[in-house]
């Protein structure tokens, strides 16, 4: 991360991790015999997918680099979202 390559090159290899995770989930789903276990596993997967989506959306607000953050590219939108989320400040 110190070299600045994480943000730029993450998409080069991130899809392999996502694909491996989906394959592992599908294998686990096929191995469980009871319908109750499959429902629980589906709920866990849905929770993890939602959590990942929220985290990735919020990463747009982080200062990864000087010009790579939402604060640098669109300060009006950044402050609107910040004041909406951080109302307790």
PDB file of N, CA and C in Angstrom:
ATOM      1  N   UNK A   1       0.813  -1.191   0.000  1.00  0.00           N
ATOM      2  CA  UNK A   1       0.000   0.000   0.000  1.00  0.00           C
ATOM      3  C   UNK A   1       0.860   1.261   0.000  1.00  0.00           C
ATOM      4  N   UNK A   2       2.052   1.179   0.539  1.00  0.00           N
ATOM      5  CA  UNK A   2       2.918   2.347   0.581  1.00  0.00           C
ATOM      6  C   UNK A   2       3.340   2.778  -0.829  1.00  0.00           C
ATOM      7  N   UNK A   3       3.453   1.827  -1.733  1.00  0.00           N
ATOM      8  CA  UNK A   3       3.891   2.150  -3.092  1.00  0.00           C
ATOM      9  C   UNK A   3       2.749   2.680  -3.959  1.00  0.00           C
ATOM     10  N   UNK A   4       1.521   2.554  -3.484  1.00  0.00           N
ATOM     11  CA  UNK A   4       0.382   3.051  -4.251  1.00  0.00           C
ATOM     12  C   UNK A   4      -0.126   2.084  -5.301  1.00  0.00           C
ATOM     13  N   UNK A   5       0.334   0.848  -5.280  1.00  0.00           N
ATOM     14  CA  UNK A   5      -0.088  -0.101  -6.305  1.00  0.00           C
ATOM     15  C   UNK A   5      -1.360  -0.846  -5.936  1.00  0.00           C
ATOM     16  N   UNK A   6      -1.769  -0.802  -4.691  1.00  0.00           N
ATOM     17  CA  UNK A   6      -2.941  -1.564  -4.278  1.00  0.00           C
ATOM     18  C   UNK A   6      -4.197  -1.086  -4.988  1.00  0.00           C
ATOM     19  N   UNK A   7      -4.434   0.193  -4.979  1.00  0.00           N
ATOM     20  CA  UNK A   7      -5.639   0.719  -5.613  1.00  0.00           C
ATOM     21  C   UNK A   7      -5.671   0.528  -7.108  1.00  0.00           C
ATOM     22  N   UNK A   8      -4.537   0.681  -7.736  1.00  0.00           N
ATOM     23  CA  UNK A   8      -4.500   0.601  -9.203  1.00  0.00           C
ATOM     24  C   UNK A   8      -4.533  -0.828  -9.727  1.00  0.00           C
ATOM     25  N   UNK A   9      -3.849  -1.726  -9.064  1.00  0.00           N
ATOM     26  CA  UNK A   9      -3.693  -3.075  -9.607  1.00  0.00           C
ATOM     27  C   UNK A   9      -4.549  -4.120  -8.926  1.00  0.00           C
ATOM     28  N   UNK A  10      -5.407  -3.709  -8.019  1.00  0.00           N
ATOM     29  CA  UNK A  10      -6.214  -4.688  -7.305  1.00  0.00           C
ATOM     30  C   UNK A  10      -7.168  -5.426  -8.238  1.00  0.00           C
ATOM     31  N   UNK A  11      -7.697  -4.737  -9.251  1.00  0.00           N
ATOM     32  CA  UNK A  11      -8.625  -5.391 -10.169  1.00  0.00           C
ATOM     33  C   UNK A  11      -7.952  -6.425 -11.059  1.00  0.00           C
ATOM     34  N   UNK A  12      -6.634  -6.393 -11.135  1.00  0.00           N
ATOM     35  CA  UNK A  12      -5.934  -7.386 -11.947  1.00  0.00           C
ATOM     36  C   UNK A  12      -6.050  -8.787 -11.369  1.00  0.00           C
ATOM     37  N   UNK A  13      -6.101  -8.895 -10.053  1.00  0.00           N
ATOM     38  CA  UNK A  13      -6.130 -10.222  -9.441  1.00  0.00           C
ATOM     39  C   UNK A  13      -7.303 -10.436  -8.494  1.00  0.00           C
ATOM     40  N   UNK A  14      -8.096  -9.418  -8.211  1.00  0.00           N
ATOM     41  CA  UNK A  14      -9.200  -9.562  -7.262  1.00  0.00           C
ATOM     42  C   UNK A  14     -10.268 -10.521  -7.767  1.00  0.00           C
ATOM     43  N   UNK A  15     -10.506 -10.561  -9.053  1.00  0.00           N
ATOM     44  CA  UNK A  15     -11.546 -11.433  -9.588  1.00  0.00           C
ATOM     45  C   UNK A  15     -11.242 -12.898  -9.333  1.00  0.00           C
ATOM     46  N   UNK A  16      -9.962 -13.243  -9.230  1.00  0.00           N
ATOM     47  CA  UNK A  16      -9.612 -14.638  -8.949  1.00  0.00           C
ATOM     48  C   UNK A  16     -10.028 -15.033  -7.539  1.00  0.00           C
ATOM     49  N   UNK A  17      -9.869 -14.116  -6.583  1.00  0.00           N
ATOM     50  CA  UNK A  17     -10.299 -14.391  -5.216  1.00  0.00           C
ATOM     51  C   UNK A  17     -11.813 -14.492  -5.127  1.00  0.00           C
ATOM     52  N   UNK A  18     -12.508 -13.630  -5.847  1.00  0.00           N
ATOM     53  CA  UNK A  18     -13.971 -13.668  -5.847  1.00  0.00           C
ATOM     54  C   UNK A  18     -14.462 -14.979  -6.462  1.00  0.00           C
ATOM     55  N   UNK A  19     -13.876 -15.368  -7.566  1.00  0.00           N
ATOM     56  CA  UNK A  19     -14.267 -16.606  -8.222  1.00  0.00           C
ATOM     57  C   UNK A  19     -14.004 -17.811  -7.327  1.00  0.00           C
ATOM     58  N   UNK A  20     -12.856 -17.833  -6.658  1.00  0.00           N
ATOM     59  CA  UNK A  20     -12.545 -18.931  -5.743  1.00  0.00           C
ATOM     60  C   UNK A  20     -13.528 -18.965  -4.573  1.00  0.00           C
ATOM     61  N   UNK A  21     -13.892 -17.805  -4.054  1.00  0.00           N
ATOM     62  CA  UNK A  21     -14.854 -17.759  -2.957  1.00  0.00           C
ATOM     63  C   UNK A  21     -16.220 -18.272  -3.366  1.00  0.00           C
ATOM     64  N   UNK A  22     -16.662 -17.897  -4.560  1.00  0.00           N
ATOM     65  CA  UNK A  22     -17.956 -18.381  -5.059  1.00  0.00           C
ATOM     66  C   UNK A  22     -17.920 -19.880  -5.269  1.00  0.00           C
ATOM     67  N   UNK A  23     -16.822 -20.407  -5.789  1.00  0.00           N
ATOM     68  CA  UNK A  23     -16.713 -21.852  -5.997  1.00  0.00           C
ATOM     69  C   UNK A  23     -16.720 -22.611  -4.671  1.00  0.00           C
ATOM     70  N   UNK A  24     -16.045 -22.077  -3.662  1.00  0.00           N
ATOM     71  CA  UNK A  24     -16.045 -22.714  -2.344  1.00  0.00           C
ATOM     72  C   UNK A  24     -17.447 -22.687  -1.746  1.00  0.00           C
ATOM     73  N   UNK A  25     -18.134 -21.558  -1.865  1.00  0.00           N
ATOM     74  CA  UNK A  25     -19.504 -21.470  -1.361  1.00  0.00           C
ATOM     75  C   UNK A  25     -20.407 -22.480  -2.055  1.00  0.00           C
ATOM     76  N   UNK A  26     -20.318 -22.589  -3.367  1.00  0.00           N
ATOM     77  CA  UNK A  26     -21.174 -23.533  -4.102  1.00  0.00           C
ATOM     78  C   UNK A  26     -20.874 -24.980  -3.724  1.00  0.00           C
ATOM     79  N   UNK A  27     -19.610 -25.295  -3.498  1.00  0.00           N
ATOM     80  CA  UNK A  27     -19.251 -26.644  -3.071  1.00  0.00           C
ATOM     81  C   UNK A  27     -19.835 -26.955  -1.692  1.00  0.00           C
ATOM     82  N   UNK A  28     -19.732 -25.998  -0.777  1.00  0.00           N
ATOM     83  CA  UNK A  28     -20.317 -26.190   0.559  1.00  0.00           C
ATOM     84  C   UNK A  28     -21.832 -26.333   0.465  1.00  0.00           C
ATOM     85  N   UNK A  29     -22.453 -25.539  -0.373  1.00  0.00           N
ATOM     86  CA  UNK A  29     -23.906 -25.589  -0.539  1.00  0.00           C
ATOM     87  C   UNK A  29     -24.360 -26.948  -1.065  1.00  0.00           C
ATOM     88  N   UNK A  30     -23.605 -27.509  -1.993  1.00  0.00           N
ATOM     89  CA  UNK A  30     -23.956 -28.817  -2.562  1.00  0.00           C
ATOM     90  C   UNK A  30     -23.736 -29.958  -1.576  1.00  0.00           C
ATOM     91  N   UNK A  31     -22.782 -29.834  -0.672  1.00  0.00           N
ATOM     92  CA  UNK A  31     -22.478 -30.908   0.281  1.00  0.00           C
ATOM     93  C   UNK A  31     -23.502 -31.034   1.401  1.00  0.00           C
ATOM     94  N   UNK A  32     -24.125 -29.911   1.784  1.00  0.00           N
ATOM     95  CA  UNK A  32     -25.129 -29.971   2.849  1.00  0.00           C
ATOM     96  C   UNK A  32     -26.388 -30.633   2.321  1.00  0.00           C
ATOM     97  N   UNK A  33     -26.898 -31.574   3.101  1.00  0.00           N
ATOM     98  CA  UNK A  33     -28.065 -32.338   2.658  1.00  0.00           C
ATOM     99  C   UNK A  33     -29.371 -31.714   3.132  1.00  0.00           C
ATOM    100  N   UNK A  34     -29.396 -31.182   4.342  1.00  0.00           N
ATOM    101  CA  UNK A  34     -30.655 -30.671   4.883  1.00  0.00           C
ATOM    102  C   UNK A  34     -30.975 -29.292   4.312  1.00  0.00           C
ATOM    103  N   UNK A  35     -32.264 -29.062   4.174  1.00  0.00           N
ATOM    104  CA  UNK A  35     -32.723 -27.785   3.632  1.00  0.00           C
ATOM    105  C   UNK A  35     -32.463 -26.651   4.625  1.00  0.00           C
ATOM    106  N   UNK A  36     -32.515 -26.952   5.911  1.00  0.00           N
ATOM    107  CA  UNK A  36     -32.256 -25.937   6.938  1.00  0.00           C
ATOM    108  C   UNK A  36     -30.817 -25.430   6.858  1.00  0.00           C
ATOM    109  N   UNK A  37     -29.876 -26.327   6.635  1.00  0.00           N
ATOM    110  CA  UNK A  37     -28.475 -25.928   6.501  1.00  0.00           C
ATOM    111  C   UNK A  37     -28.259 -25.065   5.265  1.00  0.00           C
ATOM    112  N   UNK A  38     -28.950 -25.403   4.194  1.00  0.00           N
ATOM    113  CA  UNK A  38     -28.825 -24.616   2.966  1.00  0.00           C
ATOM    114  C   UNK A  38     -29.403 -23.217   3.139  1.00  0.00           C
ATOM    115  N   UNK A  39     -30.485 -23.109   3.895  1.00  0.00           N
ATOM    116  CA  UNK A  39     -31.081 -21.787   4.141  1.00  0.00           C
ATOM    117  C   UNK A  39     -30.141 -20.941   4.983  1.00  0.00           C
ATOM    118  N   UNK A  40     -29.553 -21.534   6.017  1.00  0.00           N
ATOM    119  CA  UNK A  40     -28.607 -20.805   6.863  1.00  0.00           C
ATOM    120  C   UNK A  40     -27.402 -20.361   6.051  1.00  0.00           C
ATOM    121  N   UNK A  41     -26.865 -21.240   5.227  1.00  0.00           N
ATOM    122  CA  UNK A  41     -25.712 -20.906   4.399  1.00  0.00           C
ATOM    123  C   UNK A  41     -26.049 -19.804   3.400  1.00  0.00           C
ATOM    124  N   UNK A  42     -27.248 -19.835   2.856  1.00  0.00           N
ATOM    125  CA  UNK A  42     -27.670 -18.781   1.932  1.00  0.00           C
ATOM    126  C   UNK A  42     -27.774 -17.434   2.640  1.00  0.00           C
ATOM    127  N   UNK A  43     -28.277 -17.430   3.878  1.00  0.00           N
ATOM    128  CA  UNK A  43     -28.380 -16.186   4.638  1.00  0.00           C
ATOM    129  C   UNK A  43     -26.999 -15.646   4.982  1.00  0.00           C
ATOM    130  N   UNK A  44     -26.075 -16.527   5.334  1.00  0.00           N
ATOM    131  CA  UNK A  44     -24.709 -16.094   5.626  1.00  0.00           C
ATOM    132  C   UNK A  44     -24.070 -15.494   4.380  1.00  0.00           C
ATOM    133  N   UNK A  45     -24.252 -16.150   3.247  1.00  0.00           N
ATOM    134  CA  UNK A  45     -23.687 -15.643   1.995  1.00  0.00           C
ATOM    135  C   UNK A  45     -24.287 -14.284   1.630  1.00  0.00           C
ATOM    136  N   UNK A  46     -25.592 -14.134   1.809  1.00  0.00           N
ATOM    137  CA  UNK A  46     -26.240 -12.865   1.514  1.00  0.00           C
ATOM    138  C   UNK A  46     -25.711 -11.761   2.429  1.00  0.00           C
ATOM    139  N   UNK A  47     -25.531 -12.070   3.707  1.00  0.00           N
ATOM    140  CA  UNK A  47     -24.975 -11.095   4.643  1.00  0.00           C
ATOM    141  C   UNK A  47     -23.569 -10.675   4.270  1.00  0.00           C
ATOM    142  N   UNK A  48     -22.745 -11.635   3.916  1.00  0.00           N
ATOM    143  CA  UNK A  48     -21.368 -11.332   3.521  1.00  0.00           C
ATOM    144  C   UNK A  48     -21.348 -10.506   2.233  1.00  0.00           C
ATOM    145  N   UNK A  49     -22.215 -10.848   1.281  1.00  0.00           N
ATOM    146  CA  UNK A  49     -22.268 -10.101   0.021  1.00  0.00           C
ATOM    147  C   UNK A  49     -22.707  -8.657   0.267  1.00  0.00           C
ATOM    148  N   UNK A  50     -23.707  -8.442   1.120  1.00  0.00           N
ATOM    149  CA  UNK A  50     -24.165  -7.079   1.435  1.00  0.00           C
ATOM    150  C   UNK A  50     -23.076  -6.296   2.164  1.00  0.00           C
ATOM    151  N   UNK A  51     -22.418  -6.936   3.120  1.00  0.00           N
ATOM    152  CA  UNK A  51     -21.338  -6.288   3.857  1.00  0.00           C
ATOM    153  C   UNK A  51     -20.212  -5.872   2.909  1.00  0.00           C
ATOM    154  N   UNK A  52     -19.851  -6.755   1.991  1.00  0.00           N
ATOM    155  CA  UNK A  52     -18.799  -6.453   1.029  1.00  0.00           C
ATOM    156  C   UNK A  52     -19.192  -5.290   0.123  1.00  0.00           C
ATOM    157  N   UNK A  53     -20.429  -5.269  -0.311  1.00  0.00           N
ATOM    158  CA  UNK A  53     -20.900  -4.176  -1.162  1.00  0.00           C
ATOM    159  C   UNK A  53     -20.839  -2.842  -0.426  1.00  0.00           C
ATOM    160  N   UNK A  54     -21.297  -2.822   0.816  1.00  0.00           N
ATOM    161  CA  UNK A  54     -21.275  -1.580   1.598  1.00  0.00           C
ATOM    162  C   UNK A  54     -19.841  -1.106   1.820  1.00  0.00           C
ATOM    163  N   UNK A  55     -18.956  -2.022   2.181  1.00  0.00           N
ATOM    164  CA  UNK A  55     -17.555  -1.657   2.422  1.00  0.00           C
ATOM    165  C   UNK A  55     -16.926  -1.092   1.150  1.00  0.00           C
ATOM    166  N   UNK A  56     -17.181  -1.723   0.013  1.00  0.00           N
ATOM    167  CA  UNK A  56     -16.594  -1.236  -1.239  1.00  0.00           C
ATOM    168  C   UNK A  56     -17.169   0.113  -1.650  1.00  0.00           C
ATOM    169  N   UNK A  57     -18.435   0.347  -1.383  1.00  0.00           N
ATOM    170  CA  UNK A  57     -19.000   1.663  -1.676  1.00  0.00           C
ATOM    171  C   UNK A  57     -18.395   2.729  -0.776  1.00  0.00           C
ATOM    172  N   UNK A  58     -18.178   2.402   0.480  1.00  0.00           N
ATOM    173  CA  UNK A  58     -17.608   3.369   1.410  1.00  0.00           C
ATOM    174  C   UNK A  58     -16.125   3.612   1.159  1.00  0.00           C
ATOM    175  N   UNK A  59     -15.452   2.689   0.502  1.00  0.00           N
ATOM    176  CA  UNK A  59     -14.042   2.898   0.182  1.00  0.00           C
ATOM    177  C   UNK A  59     -13.836   4.065  -0.787  1.00  0.00           C
ATOM    178  N   UNK A  60     -14.870   4.406  -1.517  1.00  0.00           N
ATOM    179  CA  UNK A  60     -14.790   5.563  -2.405  1.00  0.00           C
ATOM    180  C   UNK A  60     -14.602   6.861  -1.659  1.00  0.00           C
ATOM    181  N   UNK A  61     -14.962   6.864  -0.388  1.00  0.00           N
ATOM    182  CA  UNK A  61     -14.826   8.063   0.420  1.00  0.00           C
ATOM    183  C   UNK A  61     -13.482   8.143   1.126  1.00  0.00           C
ATOM    184  N   UNK A  62     -12.740   7.065   1.117  1.00  0.00           N
ATOM    185  CA  UNK A  62     -11.457   7.036   1.829  1.00  0.00           C
ATOM    186  C   UNK A  62     -10.385   7.773   1.027  1.00  0.00           C
ATOM    187  N   UNK A  63      -9.420   8.280   1.734  1.00  0.00           N
ATOM    188  CA  UNK A  63      -8.297   8.955   1.088  1.00  0.00           C
ATOM    189  C   UNK A  63      -7.200   7.948   0.784  1.00  0.00           C
ATOM    190  N   UNK A  64      -7.371   7.195  -0.289  1.00  0.00           N
ATOM    191  CA  UNK A  64      -6.360   6.218  -0.686  1.00  0.00           C
ATOM    192  C   UNK A  64      -5.173   6.952  -1.306  1.00  0.00           C
ATOM    193  N   UNK A  65      -5.461   7.937  -2.065  1.00  0.00           N
ATOM    194  CA  UNK A  65      -4.413   8.745  -2.683  1.00  0.00           C
ATOM    195  C   UNK A  65      -4.871  10.190  -2.738  1.00  0.00           C
ATOM    196  N   UNK A  66      -4.016  11.043  -3.167  1.00  0.00           N
ATOM    197  CA  UNK A  66      -4.355  12.464  -3.199  1.00  0.00           C
ATOM    198  C   UNK A  66      -5.496  12.732  -4.179  1.00  0.00           C
ATOM    199  N   UNK A  67      -5.446  12.110  -5.335  1.00  0.00           N
ATOM    200  CA  UNK A  67      -6.455  12.372  -6.358  1.00  0.00           C
ATOM    201  C   UNK A  67      -7.438  11.227  -6.560  1.00  0.00           C
ATOM    202  N   UNK A  68      -7.353  10.184  -5.759  1.00  0.00           N
ATOM    203  CA  UNK A  68      -8.190   9.015  -5.974  1.00  0.00           C
ATOM    204  C   UNK A  68      -9.416   8.960  -5.086  1.00  0.00           C
ATOM    205  N   UNK A  69      -9.614   9.912  -4.216  1.00  0.00           N
ATOM    206  CA  UNK A  69     -10.739   9.844  -3.302  1.00  0.00           C
ATOM    207  C   UNK A  69     -11.920  10.660  -3.829  1.00  0.00           C
ATOM    208  N   UNK A  70     -13.074  10.363  -3.290  1.00  0.00           N
ATOM    209  CA  UNK A  70     -14.264  11.099  -3.666  1.00  0.00           C
ATOM    210  C   UNK A  70     -14.172  12.545  -3.169  1.00  0.00           C
ATOM    211  N   UNK A  71     -13.455  12.731  -2.072  1.00  0.00           N
ATOM    212  CA  UNK A  71     -13.297  14.067  -1.518  1.00  0.00           C
ATOM    213  C   UNK A  71     -12.566  14.979  -2.499  1.00  0.00           C
ATOM    214  N   UNK A  72     -11.591  14.442  -3.221  1.00  0.00           N
ATOM    215  CA  UNK A  72     -10.836  15.239  -4.186  1.00  0.00           C
ATOM    216  C   UNK A  72     -11.601  15.429  -5.493  1.00  0.00           C
ATOM    217  N   UNK A  73     -12.348  14.410  -5.915  1.00  0.00           N
ATOM    218  CA  UNK A  73     -13.015  14.473  -7.212  1.00  0.00           C
ATOM    219  C   UNK A  73     -14.364  15.172  -7.159  1.00  0.00           C
ATOM    220  N   UNK A  74     -15.097  14.984  -6.065  1.00  0.00           N
ATOM    221  CA  UNK A  74     -16.424  15.582  -5.941  1.00  0.00           C
ATOM    222  C   UNK A  74     -16.662  15.994  -4.494  1.00  0.00           C
ATOM    223  N   UNK A  75     -16.089  17.127  -4.095  1.00  0.00           N
ATOM    224  CA  UNK A  75     -16.194  17.523  -2.686  1.00  0.00           C
ATOM    225  C   UNK A  75     -17.627  17.806  -2.229  1.00  0.00           C
ATOM    226  N   UNK A  76     -18.470  18.341  -3.115  1.00  0.00           N
ATOM    227  CA  UNK A  76     -19.854  18.610  -2.716  1.00  0.00           C
ATOM    228  C   UNK A  76     -20.582  17.326  -2.337  1.00  0.00           C
ATOM    229  N   UNK A  77     -20.459  16.310  -3.168  1.00  0.00           N
ATOM    230  CA  UNK A  77     -21.102  15.030  -2.887  1.00  0.00           C
ATOM    231  C   UNK A  77     -20.506  14.393  -1.636  1.00  0.00           C
ATOM    232  N   UNK A  78     -19.199  14.499  -1.484  1.00  0.00           N
ATOM    233  CA  UNK A  78     -18.523  13.931  -0.318  1.00  0.00           C
ATOM    234  C   UNK A  78     -19.070  14.532   0.975  1.00  0.00           C
ATOM    235  N   UNK A  79     -19.179  15.845   1.024  1.00  0.00           N
ATOM    236  CA  UNK A  79     -19.644  16.501   2.250  1.00  0.00           C
ATOM    237  C   UNK A  79     -21.130  16.276   2.499  1.00  0.00           C
ATOM    238  N   UNK A  80     -21.923  16.133   1.438  1.00  0.00           N
ATOM    239  CA  UNK A  80     -23.340  15.806   1.623  1.00  0.00           C
ATOM    240  C   UNK A  80     -23.494  14.433   2.278  1.00  0.00           C
ATOM    241  N   UNK A  81     -22.750  13.466   1.773  1.00  0.00           N
ATOM    242  CA  UNK A  81     -22.814  12.128   2.353  1.00  0.00           C
ATOM    243  C   UNK A  81     -22.228  12.121   3.758  1.00  0.00           C
ATOM    244  N   UNK A  82     -21.130  12.834   3.964  1.00  0.00           N
ATOM    245  CA  UNK A  82     -20.515  12.874   5.287  1.00  0.00           C
ATOM    246  C   UNK A  82     -21.469  13.456   6.316  1.00  0.00           C
ATOM    247  N   UNK A  83     -22.138  14.556   5.984  1.00  0.00           N
ATOM    248  CA  UNK A  83     -23.070  15.165   6.930  1.00  0.00           C
ATOM    249  C   UNK A  83     -24.303  14.292   7.131  1.00  0.00           C
ATOM    250  N   UNK A  84     -24.673  13.516   6.125  1.00  0.00           N
ATOM    251  CA  UNK A  84     -25.809  12.611   6.272  1.00  0.00           C
ATOM    252  C   UNK A  84     -25.493  11.411   7.152  1.00  0.00           C
ATOM    253  N   UNK A  85     -24.265  10.921   7.063  1.00  0.00           N
ATOM    254  CA  UNK A  85     -23.864   9.747   7.835  1.00  0.00           C
ATOM    255  C   UNK A  85     -23.365  10.143   9.215  1.00  0.00           C
ATOM    256  N   UNK A  86     -22.592  11.195   9.300  1.00  0.00           N
ATOM    257  CA  UNK A  86     -21.966  11.619  10.557  1.00  0.00           C
ATOM    258  C   UNK A  86     -22.757  12.767  11.180  1.00  0.00           C
ATOM    259  N   UNK A  87     -24.029  12.564  11.366  1.00  0.00           N
ATOM    260  CA  UNK A  87     -24.880  13.613  11.921  1.00  0.00           C
ATOM    261  C   UNK A  87     -24.604  13.865  13.399  1.00  0.00           C
ATOM    262  N   UNK A  88     -23.948  12.944  14.065  1.00  0.00           N
ATOM    263  CA  UNK A  88     -23.715  13.051  15.499  1.00  0.00           C
ATOM    264  C   UNK A  88     -22.495  13.896  15.851  1.00  0.00           C
ATOM    265  N   UNK A  89     -21.738  14.360  14.871  1.00  0.00           N
ATOM    266  CA  UNK A  89     -20.542  15.161  15.151  1.00  0.00           C
ATOM    267  C   UNK A  89     -20.886  16.507  15.738  1.00  0.00           C
TER     268      UNK A  89
END
